[in-house]
C-alpha atoms as a PDB file:
ATOM      1  CA  MET A   1      -0.036  -0.018   0.002  1.00  0.00           C
ATOM      2  CA  THR A   2       1.625   3.235  -1.139  1.00  0.00           C
ATOM      3  CA  PRO A   3       1.222   6.547   0.504  1.00  0.00           C
ATOM      4  CA  GLU A   4      -0.502   7.950  -2.611  1.00  0.00           C
ATOM      5  CA  LEU A   5      -3.322   5.325  -2.365  1.00  0.00           C
ATOM      6  CA  VAL A   6      -3.834   6.282   1.263  1.00  0.00           C
ATOM      7  CA  VAL A   7      -3.991   9.954   0.395  1.00  0.00           C
ATOM      8  CA  GLN A   8      -6.362   9.473  -2.513  1.00  0.00           C
ATOM      9  CA  LEU A   9      -8.647   7.231  -0.430  1.00  0.00           C
ATOM     10  CA  ALA A  10      -8.596   9.814   2.378  1.00  0.00           C
ATOM     11  CA  ARG A  11      -9.384  12.714  -0.088  1.00  0.00           C
ATOM     12  CA  ARG A  12     -12.267  10.723  -1.640  1.00  0.00           C
ATOM     13  CA  THR A  13     -13.712   9.978   1.787  1.00  0.00           C
ATOM     14  CA  PHE A  14     -13.641  13.620   2.688  1.00  0.00           C
ATOM     15  CA  GLU A  15     -15.242  14.593  -0.641  1.00  0.00           C
ATOM     16  CA  ALA A  16     -17.965  11.941  -0.161  1.00  0.00           C
ATOM     17  CA  THR A  17     -18.699  13.190   3.453  1.00  0.00           C
ATOM     18  CA  LEU A  18     -18.887  16.768   2.318  1.00  0.00           C
ATOM     19  CA  LEU A  19     -21.052  16.002  -0.726  1.00  0.00           C
ATOM     20  CA  LEU A  20     -23.509  13.812   1.268  1.00  0.00           C
ATOM     21  CA  ALA A  21     -23.869  16.316   4.103  1.00  0.00           C
ATOM     22  CA  ALA A  22     -24.100  19.527   2.007  1.00  0.00           C
ATOM     23  CA  PRO A  23     -27.810  19.354   0.988  1.00  0.00           C
ATOM     24  CA  LEU A  24     -28.874  18.814   4.628  1.00  0.00           C
ATOM     25  CA  LEU A  25     -26.680  21.438   5.999  1.00  0.00           C
ATOM     26  CA  LEU A  26     -27.659  23.927   3.331  1.00  0.00           C
ATOM     27  CA  ALA A  27     -31.336  23.371   4.010  1.00  0.00           C
ATOM     28  CA  SER A  28     -30.767  23.957   7.774  1.00  0.00           C
ATOM     29  CA  LEU A  29     -28.596  27.128   7.053  1.00  0.00           C
ATOM     30  CA  VAL A  30     -31.243  28.613   4.839  1.00  0.00           C
ATOM     31  CA  ILE A  31     -34.001  27.985   7.221  1.00  0.00           C
ATOM     32  CA  GLY A  32     -32.055  29.148  10.116  1.00  0.00           C
ATOM     33  CA  LEU A  33     -31.198  32.315   8.341  1.00  0.00           C
ATOM     34  CA  ILE A  34     -34.676  32.967   7.533  1.00  0.00           C
ATOM     35  CA  ILE A  35     -35.906  32.337  10.992  1.00  0.00           C
ATOM     36  CA  SER A  36     -33.136  34.662  12.365  1.00  0.00           C
ATOM     37  CA  VAL A  37     -34.217  37.450  10.102  1.00  0.00           C
ATOM     38  CA  PHE A  38     -37.777  36.939  11.082  1.00  0.00           C
ATOM     39  CA  GLN A  39     -36.786  37.108  14.726  1.00  0.00           C
ATOM     40  CA  ALA A  40     -34.807  40.264  14.243  1.00  0.00           C
ATOM     41  CA  VAL A  41     -37.595  41.903  12.286  1.00  0.00           C
ATOM     42  CA  THR A  42     -40.366  41.077  14.870  1.00  0.00           C
ATOM     43  CA  SER A  43     -38.056  41.454  18.082  1.00  0.00           C
ATOM     44  CA  ILE A  44     -38.997  37.875  19.094  1.00  0.00           C
ATOM     45  CA  ASN A  45     -36.179  36.732  21.437  1.00  0.00           C
ATOM     46  CA  GLU A  46     -36.880  32.995  21.641  1.00  0.00           C
ATOM     47  CA  ALA A  47     -33.783  30.658  21.045  1.00  0.00           C
ATOM     48  CA  THR A  48     -35.832  27.473  20.496  1.00  0.00           C
ATOM     49  CA  LEU A  49     -38.112  28.933  17.788  1.00  0.00           C
ATOM     50  CA  ALA A  50     -35.632  27.754  14.932  1.00  0.00           C
ATOM     51  CA  PHE A  51     -35.435  24.132  15.966  1.00  0.00           C
ATOM     52  CA  ALA A  52     -38.717  22.818  14.607  1.00  0.00           C
ATOM     53  CA  PRO A  53     -38.480  24.463  11.213  1.00  0.00           C
ATOM     54  CA  LYS A  54     -34.864  23.308  10.860  1.00  0.00           C
ATOM     55  CA  ILE A  55     -35.817  19.652  11.733  1.00  0.00           C
ATOM     56  CA  VAL A  56     -38.670  19.741   9.192  1.00  0.00           C
ATOM     57  CA  ALA A  57     -36.334  21.305   6.587  1.00  0.00           C
ATOM     58  CA  VAL A  58     -33.696  18.648   7.064  1.00  0.00           C
ATOM     59  CA  MET A  59     -36.362  15.845   6.815  1.00  0.00           C
ATOM     60  CA  VAL A  60     -37.688  17.278   3.591  1.00  0.00           C
ATOM     61  CA  ALA A  61     -34.150  17.753   2.244  1.00  0.00           C
ATOM     62  CA  MET A  62     -33.449  14.016   3.261  1.00  0.00           C
ATOM     63  CA  ILE A  63     -36.602  12.885   1.465  1.00  0.00           C
ATOM     64  CA  ILE A  64     -35.786  14.845  -1.661  1.00  0.00           C
ATOM     65  CA  PHE A  65     -32.014  14.024  -1.847  1.00  0.00           C
ATOM     66  CA  PHE A  66     -32.122  10.372  -0.447  1.00  0.00           C
ATOM     67  CA  PRO A  67     -32.106   8.632  -3.745  1.00  0.00           C
ATOM     68  CA  TRP A  68     -29.054  10.682  -5.050  1.00  0.00           C
ATOM     69  CA  MET A  69     -27.394  10.090  -1.623  1.00  0.00           C
ATOM     70  CA  MET A  70     -27.845   6.319  -1.734  1.00  0.00           C
ATOM     71  CA  SER A  71     -26.646   6.154  -5.366  1.00  0.00           C
ATOM     72  CA  TYR A  72     -23.566   8.122  -4.467  1.00  0.00           C
ATOM     73  CA  MET A  73     -22.856   6.011  -1.330  1.00  0.00           C
ATOM     74  CA  GLY A  74     -23.100   2.910  -3.467  1.00  0.00           C
ATOM     75  CA  ASP A  75     -20.729   4.131  -6.003  1.00  0.00           C
ATOM     76  CA  PHE A  76     -18.265   5.232  -3.320  1.00  0.00           C
ATOM     77  CA  THR A  77     -18.520   1.754  -1.626  1.00  0.00           C
ATOM     78  CA  ARG A  78     -17.795   0.114  -4.933  1.00  0.00           C
ATOM     79  CA  GLU A  79     -14.843   2.445  -5.334  1.00  0.00           C
ATOM     80  CA  VAL A  80     -13.543   1.610  -1.866  1.00  0.00           C
ATOM     81  CA  TYR A  81     -13.844  -2.154  -2.560  1.00  0.00           C
ATOM     82  CA  SER A  82     -11.907  -1.679  -5.809  1.00  0.00           C
ATOM     83  CA  PHE A  83      -9.234   0.032  -3.610  1.00  0.00           C
ATOM     84  CA  ILE A  84      -9.059  -2.991  -1.358  1.00  0.00           C
ATOM     85  CA  ALA A  85      -8.309  -5.123  -4.355  1.00  0.00           C
ATOM     86  CA  ILE A  86      -5.473  -2.807  -5.350  1.00  0.00           C
ATOM     87  CA  MET A  87      -4.055  -2.581  -1.939  1.00  0.00           C
ATOM     88  CA  ARG A  88      -3.713  -6.306  -1.604  1.00  0.00           C
ATOM     89  CA  ARG A  89      -1.195  -6.429  -4.378  1.00  0.00           C
END
């Protein structure tokens, strides 16, 4: 096993993690920003107000992006298994 293979596998793992988490994090970020602007405009000072909409937004994003996420994870898993075959040599 060469250092280049290890670095390439680590890089691909970080890429996969970021790509799979991005839609859910972006949905949470957008809803959190909207709720924060709403709270600033209306002077509502409740810290727990943003939790329920964020949870709903993440669940909706998960439903929408789940097929793509599973396809990407399957492709990545096949790629990792092919790396195992290469590493055994």
